[in-house]
Amino acid sequence: MAEVVFWREAEKDYRQLDGSLQQWTDAAVERLQLRGSEIGKPLRNNSYSKLSGFKELKNHKLGIRLIFKPVAGGAVEIIEIAAIGSREDGKVFKEIEKRRRDR
């Protein structure tokens, strides 16, 4: 079982979601707690972001992505949720790159 923590900015993202998107996010967090880093699509570096080491869960119908990073934490795997946002135009990828650089 993994421990899931939110980056401060991701907590703000979560609070701004409507009810159905919060429900999807809650279910995604439960899946991450149970299965840890074995789920999610690995992300890679590209021309506008360096996201190697991050993964994403997405819902095409709802148009949302949850970006997270598995972190080695000894006996317990830690999953850091870095961003939750719209799939539109890769907007969330640009935002997570900014957050990653600021950390």
N, C-alpha and C. Protein backbone atom coordinates (compact mmCIF):
# COMPACT_ATOMS: atom_id res chain seq x y z
N MET A 1 0.84 -1.18 0.00
CA MET A 1 0.00 0.00 0.00
C MET A 1 0.89 1.24 0.00
N ALA A 2 0.53 2.21 -0.80
CA ALA A 2 1.33 3.42 -0.95
C ALA A 2 0.70 4.57 -0.16
N GLU A 3 1.56 5.48 0.26
CA GLU A 3 1.09 6.71 0.91
C GLU A 3 1.00 7.77 -0.19
N VAL A 4 -0.13 8.44 -0.28
CA VAL A 4 -0.34 9.46 -1.30
C VAL A 4 -0.35 10.83 -0.63
N VAL A 5 0.49 11.73 -1.13
CA VAL A 5 0.53 13.10 -0.62
C VAL A 5 0.35 14.06 -1.80
N PHE A 6 -0.24 15.20 -1.52
CA PHE A 6 -0.47 16.22 -2.54
C PHE A 6 0.56 17.33 -2.39
N TRP A 7 1.12 17.79 -3.50
CA TRP A 7 1.87 19.04 -3.47
C TRP A 7 0.87 20.14 -3.14
N ARG A 8 1.31 21.20 -2.51
CA ARG A 8 0.42 22.30 -2.11
C ARG A 8 -0.39 22.81 -3.30
N GLU A 9 0.26 22.95 -4.45
CA GLU A 9 -0.42 23.45 -5.64
C GLU A 9 -1.49 22.47 -6.12
N ALA A 10 -1.24 21.17 -5.97
CA ALA A 10 -2.21 20.16 -6.38
C ALA A 10 -3.43 20.17 -5.45
N GLU A 11 -3.22 20.48 -4.17
CA GLU A 11 -4.36 20.62 -3.26
C GLU A 11 -5.26 21.75 -3.74
N LYS A 12 -4.65 22.85 -4.18
CA LYS A 12 -5.43 23.98 -4.70
C LYS A 12 -6.18 23.56 -5.97
N ASP A 13 -5.50 22.80 -6.86
CA ASP A 13 -6.15 22.29 -8.06
C ASP A 13 -7.39 21.49 -7.68
N TYR A 14 -7.25 20.61 -6.68
CA TYR A 14 -8.34 19.73 -6.25
C TYR A 14 -9.54 20.55 -5.76
N ARG A 15 -9.27 21.55 -4.93
CA ARG A 15 -10.36 22.37 -4.39
C ARG A 15 -11.12 23.12 -5.48
N GLN A 16 -10.48 23.39 -6.61
CA GLN A 16 -11.12 24.13 -7.70
C GLN A 16 -11.93 23.24 -8.63
N LEU A 17 -11.85 21.92 -8.46
CA LEU A 17 -12.59 20.99 -9.32
C LEU A 17 -14.07 20.96 -8.93
N ASP A 18 -14.92 20.66 -9.91
CA ASP A 18 -16.34 20.47 -9.57
C ASP A 18 -16.51 19.07 -8.97
N GLY A 19 -17.72 18.78 -8.50
CA GLY A 19 -17.98 17.53 -7.77
C GLY A 19 -17.64 16.26 -8.53
N SER A 20 -17.99 16.17 -9.81
CA SER A 20 -17.72 14.94 -10.57
C SER A 20 -16.22 14.73 -10.77
N LEU A 21 -15.48 15.81 -10.97
CA LEU A 21 -14.03 15.69 -11.13
C LEU A 21 -13.36 15.35 -9.81
N GLN A 22 -13.91 15.87 -8.71
CA GLN A 22 -13.37 15.49 -7.40
C GLN A 22 -13.63 14.01 -7.12
N GLN A 23 -14.80 13.50 -7.52
CA GLN A 23 -15.10 12.07 -7.34
C GLN A 23 -14.10 11.23 -8.11
N TRP A 24 -13.83 11.60 -9.36
CA TRP A 24 -12.87 10.85 -10.17
C TRP A 24 -11.49 10.90 -9.52
N THR A 25 -11.10 12.08 -9.03
CA THR A 25 -9.79 12.23 -8.39
C THR A 25 -9.71 11.39 -7.13
N ASP A 26 -10.77 11.37 -6.33
CA ASP A 26 -10.79 10.53 -5.12
C ASP A 26 -10.60 9.06 -5.47
N ALA A 27 -11.28 8.60 -6.53
CA ALA A 27 -11.13 7.21 -6.97
C ALA A 27 -9.72 6.94 -7.46
N ALA A 28 -9.12 7.90 -8.17
CA ALA A 28 -7.75 7.74 -8.65
C ALA A 28 -6.77 7.66 -7.49
N VAL A 29 -6.98 8.46 -6.45
CA VAL A 29 -6.12 8.42 -5.26
C VAL A 29 -6.24 7.06 -4.58
N GLU A 30 -7.45 6.52 -4.48
CA GLU A 30 -7.64 5.19 -3.89
C GLU A 30 -6.88 4.13 -4.70
N ARG A 31 -6.96 4.22 -6.02
CA ARG A 31 -6.22 3.27 -6.88
C ARG A 31 -4.71 3.40 -6.64
N LEU A 32 -4.23 4.63 -6.51
CA LEU A 32 -2.80 4.83 -6.25
C LEU A 32 -2.40 4.28 -4.88
N GLN A 33 -3.27 4.43 -3.88
CA GLN A 33 -2.97 3.88 -2.56
C GLN A 33 -2.85 2.36 -2.61
N LEU A 34 -3.72 1.73 -3.39
CA LEU A 34 -3.72 0.27 -3.46
C LEU A 34 -2.61 -0.28 -4.36
N ARG A 35 -2.39 0.36 -5.50
CA ARG A 35 -1.49 -0.22 -6.50
C ARG A 35 -0.18 0.54 -6.69
N GLY A 36 -0.08 1.72 -6.12
CA GLY A 36 1.17 2.48 -6.17
C GLY A 36 1.61 2.79 -7.59
N SER A 37 2.90 2.71 -7.81
CA SER A 37 3.48 3.12 -9.09
C SER A 37 3.29 2.10 -10.20
N GLU A 38 2.62 1.00 -9.94
CA GLU A 38 2.41 0.02 -11.02
C GLU A 38 1.35 0.48 -12.00
N ILE A 39 0.61 1.55 -11.68
CA ILE A 39 -0.39 2.08 -12.61
C ILE A 39 0.08 3.43 -13.14
N GLY A 40 -0.55 3.88 -14.20
CA GLY A 40 -0.23 5.18 -14.77
C GLY A 40 0.70 5.08 -15.96
N LYS A 41 0.58 6.04 -16.85
CA LYS A 41 1.43 6.10 -18.03
C LYS A 41 2.68 6.92 -17.71
N PRO A 42 3.87 6.37 -17.94
CA PRO A 42 5.09 7.14 -17.69
C PRO A 42 5.18 8.33 -18.65
N LEU A 43 5.63 9.45 -18.14
CA LEU A 43 5.82 10.64 -18.95
C LEU A 43 7.30 10.77 -19.29
N ARG A 44 7.60 11.56 -20.33
CA ARG A 44 8.99 11.75 -20.72
C ARG A 44 9.26 13.23 -20.96
N ASN A 45 10.51 13.50 -21.17
CA ASN A 45 10.91 14.87 -21.46
C ASN A 45 10.51 15.22 -22.89
N ASN A 46 10.20 16.48 -23.11
CA ASN A 46 9.97 16.98 -24.47
C ASN A 46 10.48 18.41 -24.55
N SER A 47 10.12 19.09 -25.61
CA SER A 47 10.69 20.43 -25.84
C SER A 47 10.27 21.46 -24.79
N TYR A 48 9.11 21.29 -24.14
CA TYR A 48 8.67 22.31 -23.18
C TYR A 48 8.56 21.81 -21.75
N SER A 49 8.89 20.55 -21.49
CA SER A 49 8.84 20.07 -20.11
C SER A 49 9.77 18.87 -19.92
N LYS A 50 10.28 18.77 -18.72
CA LYS A 50 11.15 17.66 -18.34
C LYS A 50 10.41 16.85 -17.28
N LEU A 51 9.61 15.89 -17.75
CA LEU A 51 8.74 15.15 -16.85
C LEU A 51 9.12 13.69 -16.70
N SER A 52 10.33 13.35 -17.07
CA SER A 52 10.80 11.98 -16.85
C SER A 52 10.72 11.68 -15.35
N GLY A 53 10.19 10.53 -15.00
CA GLY A 53 10.01 10.16 -13.59
C GLY A 53 8.60 10.41 -13.09
N PHE A 54 7.83 11.22 -13.82
CA PHE A 54 6.42 11.45 -13.48
C PHE A 54 5.55 10.47 -14.25
N LYS A 55 4.33 10.27 -13.77
CA LYS A 55 3.34 9.43 -14.46
C LYS A 55 2.02 10.17 -14.49
N GLU A 56 1.10 9.69 -15.32
CA GLU A 56 -0.21 10.33 -15.39
C GLU A 56 -1.33 9.29 -15.39
N LEU A 57 -2.43 9.68 -14.80
CA LEU A 57 -3.70 8.99 -14.96
C LEU A 57 -4.61 9.99 -15.64
N LYS A 58 -5.43 9.53 -16.57
CA LYS A 58 -6.31 10.47 -17.26
C LYS A 58 -7.66 9.85 -17.53
N ASN A 59 -8.63 10.72 -17.72
CA ASN A 59 -9.97 10.31 -18.08
C ASN A 59 -10.37 11.12 -19.31
N HIS A 60 -10.44 10.43 -20.44
CA HIS A 60 -10.75 11.11 -21.70
C HIS A 60 -12.14 11.76 -21.66
N LYS A 61 -13.11 11.04 -21.14
CA LYS A 61 -14.49 11.54 -21.13
C LYS A 61 -14.62 12.82 -20.31
N LEU A 62 -13.98 12.85 -19.15
CA LEU A 62 -14.04 14.03 -18.28
C LEU A 62 -13.03 15.10 -18.68
N GLY A 63 -12.03 14.71 -19.47
CA GLY A 63 -11.02 15.66 -19.92
C GLY A 63 -10.09 16.13 -18.82
N ILE A 64 -9.60 15.18 -18.00
CA ILE A 64 -8.76 15.54 -16.85
C ILE A 64 -7.54 14.63 -16.78
N ARG A 65 -6.45 15.18 -16.28
CA ARG A 65 -5.22 14.43 -16.02
C ARG A 65 -4.82 14.63 -14.56
N LEU A 66 -4.26 13.59 -13.97
CA LEU A 66 -3.67 13.66 -12.65
C LEU A 66 -2.21 13.27 -12.83
N ILE A 67 -1.30 14.18 -12.54
CA ILE A 67 0.13 13.94 -12.70
C ILE A 67 0.72 13.63 -11.33
N PHE A 68 1.49 12.53 -11.26
CA PHE A 68 2.07 12.13 -9.99
C PHE A 68 3.48 11.62 -10.18
N LYS A 69 4.21 11.55 -9.06
CA LYS A 69 5.59 11.08 -9.09
C LYS A 69 5.79 10.07 -7.97
N PRO A 70 6.14 8.83 -8.33
CA PRO A 70 6.50 7.84 -7.30
C PRO A 70 7.85 8.22 -6.69
N VAL A 71 7.95 8.14 -5.36
CA VAL A 71 9.17 8.50 -4.66
C VAL A 71 9.56 7.34 -3.76
N ALA A 72 10.83 6.98 -3.78
CA ALA A 72 11.31 5.92 -2.90
C ALA A 72 11.23 6.43 -1.46
N GLY A 73 10.57 5.65 -0.62
CA GLY A 73 10.40 6.09 0.77
C GLY A 73 10.70 4.97 1.75
N GLY A 74 11.66 4.12 1.43
CA GLY A 74 11.97 3.02 2.32
C GLY A 74 10.95 1.90 2.16
N ALA A 75 10.36 1.47 3.27
CA ALA A 75 9.42 0.35 3.25
C ALA A 75 8.08 0.73 2.63
N VAL A 76 7.74 2.02 2.67
CA VAL A 76 6.45 2.48 2.15
C VAL A 76 6.70 3.31 0.90
N GLU A 77 6.00 2.97 -0.18
CA GLU A 77 6.10 3.77 -1.38
C GLU A 77 5.30 5.06 -1.20
N ILE A 78 5.87 6.17 -1.62
CA ILE A 78 5.19 7.46 -1.51
C ILE A 78 4.87 7.94 -2.92
N ILE A 79 3.63 8.35 -3.11
CA ILE A 79 3.17 8.89 -4.39
C ILE A 79 2.87 10.37 -4.15
N GLU A 80 3.57 11.26 -4.87
CA GLU A 80 3.33 12.69 -4.75
C GLU A 80 2.47 13.14 -5.92
N ILE A 81 1.28 13.65 -5.61
CA ILE A 81 0.41 14.19 -6.66
C ILE A 81 0.84 15.63 -6.89
N ALA A 82 1.26 15.91 -8.13
CA ALA A 82 1.86 17.19 -8.44
C ALA A 82 0.88 18.15 -9.11
N ALA A 83 -0.09 17.62 -9.86
CA ALA A 83 -1.03 18.50 -10.57
C ALA A 83 -2.27 17.73 -10.96
N ILE A 84 -3.38 18.45 -11.03
CA ILE A 84 -4.63 17.92 -11.53
C ILE A 84 -5.17 18.99 -12.46
N GLY A 85 -5.45 18.63 -13.70
CA GLY A 85 -5.93 19.68 -14.59
C GLY A 85 -6.47 19.19 -15.90
N SER A 86 -6.85 20.13 -16.71
CA SER A 86 -7.47 19.89 -18.01
C SER A 86 -6.50 19.23 -18.97
N ARG A 87 -7.04 18.38 -19.83
CA ARG A 87 -6.24 17.74 -20.87
C ARG A 87 -6.03 18.68 -22.06
N GLU A 88 -6.74 19.78 -22.07
CA GLU A 88 -6.74 20.71 -23.19
C GLU A 88 -5.35 21.29 -23.48
N ASP A 89 -4.88 21.09 -24.70
CA ASP A 89 -3.64 21.69 -25.21
C ASP A 89 -2.41 21.43 -24.35
N GLY A 90 -2.36 20.34 -23.61
CA GLY A 90 -1.18 20.06 -22.79
C GLY A 90 -0.95 21.08 -21.69
N LYS A 91 -2.00 21.81 -21.33
CA LYS A 91 -1.90 22.89 -20.35
C LYS A 91 -1.31 22.40 -19.02
N VAL A 92 -1.76 21.25 -18.57
CA VAL A 92 -1.30 20.74 -17.27
C VAL A 92 0.18 20.38 -17.33
N PHE A 93 0.69 19.95 -18.50
CA PHE A 93 2.11 19.63 -18.61
C PHE A 93 2.96 20.88 -18.45
N LYS A 94 2.53 21.98 -19.03
CA LYS A 94 3.27 23.25 -18.90
C LYS A 94 3.25 23.72 -17.45
N GLU A 95 2.11 23.54 -16.77
CA GLU A 95 1.99 23.95 -15.37
C GLU A 95 2.88 23.10 -14.47
N ILE A 96 2.92 21.80 -14.70
CA ILE A 96 3.74 20.93 -13.85
C ILE A 96 5.22 21.19 -14.07
N GLU A 97 5.60 21.54 -15.28
CA GLU A 97 7.01 21.89 -15.53
C GLU A 97 7.39 23.12 -14.71
N LYS A 98 6.52 24.12 -14.67
CA LYS A 98 6.78 25.32 -13.87
C LYS A 98 6.89 24.94 -12.39
N ARG A 99 5.99 24.12 -11.91
CA ARG A 99 6.01 23.71 -10.49
C ARG A 99 7.27 22.91 -10.18
N ARG A 100 7.65 22.04 -11.10
CA ARG A 100 8.86 21.21 -10.90
C ARG A 100 10.09 22.09 -10.77
N ARG A 101 10.21 23.10 -11.63
CA ARG A 101 11.37 24.01 -11.59
C ARG A 101 11.39 24.83 -10.32
N ASP A 102 10.19 25.20 -9.80
CA ASP A 102 10.11 26.03 -8.61
C ASP A 102 10.37 25.27 -7.31
N ARG A 103 10.39 23.97 -7.35
CA ARG A 103 10.59 23.16 -6.13
C ARG A 103 12.03 23.08 -5.76
